[in-house]
Amino acid sequence: MKKLSIIITILTGTLLSPIAFANNAEAPKETLISLTDACTKMASEEQIDSIEKQQFVSDCVNAQLIEMGYQRQEAIAKTNLLKDNL
């Protein structure tokens, strides 16, 4: 149930933010931060091993980006997605 509410929150927030008009547009940093945070929380809830956590988060974020019409990210590094960098 928590996963569903997280995904709904992400999608609602993303749909209310500016949408990519062209296919494969680069996602805004705010979207990347939101998706990364949500996917990291899901990894914790699923008790993903720390070794596999980075790959899980990367796959999760990229799946959401593709569904939203954005380019996939080659590397998802949470350190590069700090809110201070916006």
N, C-alpha and C. Protein backbone atom coordinates (compact mmCIF):
# COMPACT_ATOMS: atom_id res chain seq x y z
N MET A 1 0.82 -1.19 0.00
CA MET A 1 0.00 0.00 0.00
C MET A 1 0.87 1.25 0.00
N LYS A 2 2.00 1.21 0.74
CA LYS A 2 2.89 2.36 0.77
C LYS A 2 3.48 2.62 -0.61
N LYS A 3 3.81 1.54 -1.32
CA LYS A 3 4.38 1.71 -2.66
C LYS A 3 3.39 2.42 -3.57
N LEU A 4 2.14 2.03 -3.48
CA LEU A 4 1.11 2.63 -4.32
C LEU A 4 0.97 4.11 -4.01
N SER A 5 0.96 4.45 -2.74
CA SER A 5 0.82 5.87 -2.38
C SER A 5 2.03 6.68 -2.81
N ILE A 6 3.22 6.08 -2.74
CA ILE A 6 4.44 6.78 -3.20
C ILE A 6 4.36 7.02 -4.69
N ILE A 7 3.98 6.01 -5.43
CA ILE A 7 3.91 6.14 -6.89
C ILE A 7 2.85 7.16 -7.28
N ILE A 8 1.71 7.14 -6.61
CA ILE A 8 0.65 8.12 -6.91
C ILE A 8 1.14 9.53 -6.61
N THR A 9 1.84 9.70 -5.50
CA THR A 9 2.39 11.00 -5.15
C THR A 9 3.36 11.49 -6.21
N ILE A 10 4.24 10.61 -6.65
CA ILE A 10 5.22 10.97 -7.68
C ILE A 10 4.52 11.37 -8.96
N LEU A 11 3.60 10.53 -9.40
CA LEU A 11 2.92 10.80 -10.66
C LEU A 11 2.08 12.07 -10.59
N THR A 12 1.43 12.30 -9.47
CA THR A 12 0.63 13.51 -9.32
C THR A 12 1.52 14.74 -9.36
N GLY A 13 2.60 14.70 -8.61
CA GLY A 13 3.53 15.83 -8.59
C GLY A 13 4.16 16.06 -9.94
N THR A 14 4.46 15.00 -10.63
CA THR A 14 5.09 15.12 -11.94
C THR A 14 4.10 15.62 -12.98
N LEU A 15 2.87 15.15 -12.91
CA LEU A 15 1.88 15.58 -13.88
C LEU A 15 1.53 17.05 -13.70
N LEU A 16 1.65 17.54 -12.49
CA LEU A 16 1.35 18.93 -12.24
C LEU A 16 2.53 19.85 -12.58
N SER A 17 3.72 19.26 -12.72
CA SER A 17 4.89 20.04 -13.11
C SER A 17 4.93 20.11 -14.63
N PRO A 18 5.77 20.95 -15.19
CA PRO A 18 5.84 21.02 -16.66
C PRO A 18 6.13 19.65 -17.27
N ILE A 19 5.40 19.31 -18.30
CA ILE A 19 5.53 18.02 -18.97
C ILE A 19 6.48 18.16 -20.15
N ALA A 20 7.21 17.10 -20.43
CA ALA A 20 8.09 17.10 -21.60
C ALA A 20 7.22 17.04 -22.84
N PHE A 21 7.39 18.00 -23.72
CA PHE A 21 6.56 18.05 -24.92
C PHE A 21 7.11 17.16 -26.03
N ALA A 22 8.40 16.97 -26.07
CA ALA A 22 8.99 16.11 -27.09
C ALA A 22 9.40 14.80 -26.44
N ASN A 23 9.29 13.73 -27.19
CA ASN A 23 9.72 12.44 -26.67
C ASN A 23 11.20 12.50 -26.37
N ASN A 24 11.58 11.82 -25.32
CA ASN A 24 12.98 11.70 -24.92
C ASN A 24 13.62 13.02 -24.54
N ALA A 25 12.86 13.94 -23.99
CA ALA A 25 13.42 15.17 -23.46
C ALA A 25 14.12 14.85 -22.14
N GLU A 26 15.06 15.66 -21.79
CA GLU A 26 15.77 15.46 -20.53
C GLU A 26 14.86 15.87 -19.36
N ALA A 27 14.83 15.05 -18.35
CA ALA A 27 13.96 15.31 -17.19
C ALA A 27 14.53 16.45 -16.34
N PRO A 28 13.65 17.27 -15.78
CA PRO A 28 14.11 18.32 -14.86
C PRO A 28 14.72 17.70 -13.60
N LYS A 29 15.64 18.42 -12.98
CA LYS A 29 16.29 17.91 -11.78
C LYS A 29 15.29 17.63 -10.67
N GLU A 30 14.25 18.45 -10.57
CA GLU A 30 13.24 18.24 -9.53
C GLU A 30 12.58 16.87 -9.69
N THR A 31 12.32 16.48 -10.94
CA THR A 31 11.72 15.18 -11.21
C THR A 31 12.68 14.07 -10.85
N LEU A 32 13.95 14.22 -11.21
CA LEU A 32 14.96 13.21 -10.88
C LEU A 32 15.10 13.05 -9.37
N ILE A 33 15.09 14.16 -8.65
CA ILE A 33 15.20 14.10 -7.19
C ILE A 33 13.99 13.37 -6.60
N SER A 34 12.81 13.73 -7.06
CA SER A 34 11.59 13.11 -6.55
C SER A 34 11.57 11.61 -6.82
N LEU A 35 11.89 11.23 -8.04
CA LEU A 35 11.90 9.81 -8.40
C LEU A 35 12.97 9.05 -7.63
N THR A 36 14.15 9.64 -7.50
CA THR A 36 15.23 8.98 -6.78
C THR A 36 14.86 8.77 -5.32
N ASP A 37 14.29 9.78 -4.69
CA ASP A 37 13.86 9.64 -3.30
C ASP A 37 12.81 8.54 -3.13
N ALA A 38 11.82 8.54 -4.02
CA ALA A 38 10.75 7.53 -3.93
C ALA A 38 11.30 6.13 -4.16
N CYS A 39 12.17 5.98 -5.15
CA CYS A 39 12.73 4.65 -5.45
C CYS A 39 13.66 4.18 -4.33
N THR A 40 14.37 5.11 -3.70
CA THR A 40 15.23 4.76 -2.57
C THR A 40 14.38 4.28 -1.39
N LYS A 41 13.25 4.94 -1.16
CA LYS A 41 12.34 4.51 -0.09
C LYS A 41 11.77 3.13 -0.38
N MET A 42 11.42 2.89 -1.65
CA MET A 42 10.90 1.56 -2.01
C MET A 42 11.97 0.50 -1.80
N ALA A 43 13.22 0.80 -2.14
CA ALA A 43 14.30 -0.16 -1.95
C ALA A 43 14.46 -0.50 -0.46
N SER A 44 14.31 0.51 0.38
CA SER A 44 14.40 0.28 1.83
C SER A 44 13.24 -0.57 2.33
N GLU A 45 12.04 -0.26 1.83
CA GLU A 45 10.86 -1.03 2.24
C GLU A 45 10.94 -2.48 1.78
N GLU A 46 11.54 -2.68 0.60
CA GLU A 46 11.69 -4.03 0.05
C GLU A 46 12.90 -4.75 0.64
N GLN A 47 13.65 -4.04 1.48
CA GLN A 47 14.85 -4.57 2.12
C GLN A 47 15.86 -5.09 1.10
N ILE A 48 16.09 -4.27 0.08
CA ILE A 48 17.08 -4.61 -0.96
C ILE A 48 18.47 -4.49 -0.35
N ASP A 49 19.33 -5.49 -0.63
CA ASP A 49 20.70 -5.45 -0.13
C ASP A 49 21.41 -4.20 -0.63
N SER A 50 22.33 -3.68 0.17
CA SER A 50 23.03 -2.46 -0.20
C SER A 50 23.82 -2.64 -1.49
N ILE A 51 24.26 -3.84 -1.77
CA ILE A 51 25.00 -4.11 -3.01
C ILE A 51 24.10 -3.92 -4.22
N GLU A 52 22.85 -4.31 -4.11
CA GLU A 52 21.91 -4.24 -5.22
C GLU A 52 21.08 -2.95 -5.22
N LYS A 53 21.17 -2.17 -4.16
CA LYS A 53 20.31 -1.00 -4.00
C LYS A 53 20.52 0.03 -5.11
N GLN A 54 21.77 0.33 -5.45
CA GLN A 54 22.04 1.34 -6.48
C GLN A 54 21.41 0.92 -7.82
N GLN A 55 21.54 -0.36 -8.18
CA GLN A 55 20.97 -0.84 -9.43
C GLN A 55 19.44 -0.79 -9.38
N PHE A 56 18.87 -1.17 -8.25
CA PHE A 56 17.42 -1.13 -8.07
C PHE A 56 16.90 0.29 -8.27
N VAL A 57 17.54 1.25 -7.61
CA VAL A 57 17.12 2.66 -7.70
C VAL A 57 17.27 3.15 -9.13
N SER A 58 18.37 2.82 -9.77
CA SER A 58 18.61 3.23 -11.15
C SER A 58 17.54 2.67 -12.09
N ASP A 59 17.25 1.39 -11.95
CA ASP A 59 16.22 0.76 -12.79
C ASP A 59 14.85 1.36 -12.53
N CYS A 60 14.55 1.60 -11.27
CA CYS A 60 13.25 2.17 -10.88
C CYS A 60 13.08 3.57 -11.47
N VAL A 61 14.09 4.41 -11.30
CA VAL A 61 14.03 5.78 -11.82
C VAL A 61 13.90 5.77 -13.33
N ASN A 62 14.71 4.96 -14.00
CA ASN A 62 14.66 4.92 -15.46
C ASN A 62 13.33 4.41 -15.98
N ALA A 63 12.74 3.45 -15.31
CA ALA A 63 11.42 2.95 -15.74
C ALA A 63 10.39 4.07 -15.66
N GLN A 64 10.43 4.85 -14.59
CA GLN A 64 9.49 5.96 -14.44
C GLN A 64 9.76 7.05 -15.47
N LEU A 65 11.03 7.35 -15.72
CA LEU A 65 11.38 8.39 -16.71
C LEU A 65 10.87 8.01 -18.09
N ILE A 66 11.06 6.77 -18.47
CA ILE A 66 10.62 6.30 -19.79
C ILE A 66 9.11 6.40 -19.90
N GLU A 67 8.39 5.99 -18.85
CA GLU A 67 6.92 6.09 -18.86
C GLU A 67 6.45 7.53 -19.02
N MET A 68 7.24 8.45 -18.50
CA MET A 68 6.88 9.86 -18.53
C MET A 68 7.35 10.54 -19.81
N GLY A 69 8.06 9.82 -20.67
CA GLY A 69 8.52 10.38 -21.94
C GLY A 69 9.85 11.07 -21.87
N TYR A 70 10.58 10.87 -20.79
CA TYR A 70 11.90 11.48 -20.65
C TYR A 70 12.99 10.49 -21.05
N GLN A 71 14.19 11.04 -21.26
CA GLN A 71 15.36 10.20 -21.53
C GLN A 71 15.70 9.42 -20.27
N ARG A 72 16.20 8.21 -20.48
CA ARG A 72 16.70 7.46 -19.35
C ARG A 72 18.05 8.04 -18.94
N GLN A 73 18.41 7.88 -17.71
CA GLN A 73 19.68 8.38 -17.19
C GLN A 73 20.68 7.24 -17.16
N GLU A 74 21.86 7.50 -17.68
CA GLU A 74 22.89 6.45 -17.69
C GLU A 74 23.32 6.09 -16.27
N ALA A 75 23.50 7.09 -15.44
CA ALA A 75 23.91 6.83 -14.06
C ALA A 75 23.08 7.71 -13.14
N ILE A 76 22.48 7.09 -12.16
CA ILE A 76 21.72 7.83 -11.17
C ILE A 76 22.59 7.92 -9.92
N ALA A 77 23.11 9.09 -9.67
CA ALA A 77 23.94 9.30 -8.49
C ALA A 77 23.24 10.28 -7.57
N LYS A 78 22.80 9.81 -6.43
CA LYS A 78 22.04 10.66 -5.52
C LYS A 78 22.84 11.87 -5.10
N THR A 79 24.15 11.74 -5.03
CA THR A 79 24.98 12.88 -4.62
C THR A 79 24.89 14.01 -5.63
N ASN A 80 24.58 13.70 -6.89
CA ASN A 80 24.45 14.73 -7.92
C ASN A 80 23.05 15.33 -7.93
N LEU A 81 22.15 14.79 -7.15
CA LEU A 81 20.76 15.25 -7.16
C LEU A 81 20.36 15.90 -5.85
N LEU A 82 21.27 16.63 -5.27
CA LEU A 82 20.96 17.33 -4.04
C LEU A 82 20.10 18.55 -4.33
N LYS A 83 19.17 18.84 -3.48
CA LYS A 83 18.27 19.96 -3.68
C LYS A 83 19.02 21.28 -3.76
N ASP A 84 20.22 21.36 -3.16
CA ASP A 84 21.01 22.58 -3.20
C ASP A 84 21.52 22.87 -4.61
N ASN A 85 21.59 21.86 -5.46
CA ASN A 85 22.12 22.02 -6.81
C ASN A 85 21.09 22.50 -7.80
N LEU A 86 19.85 22.72 -7.36
CA LEU A 86 18.79 23.12 -8.29
C LEU A 86 18.94 24.54 -8.71
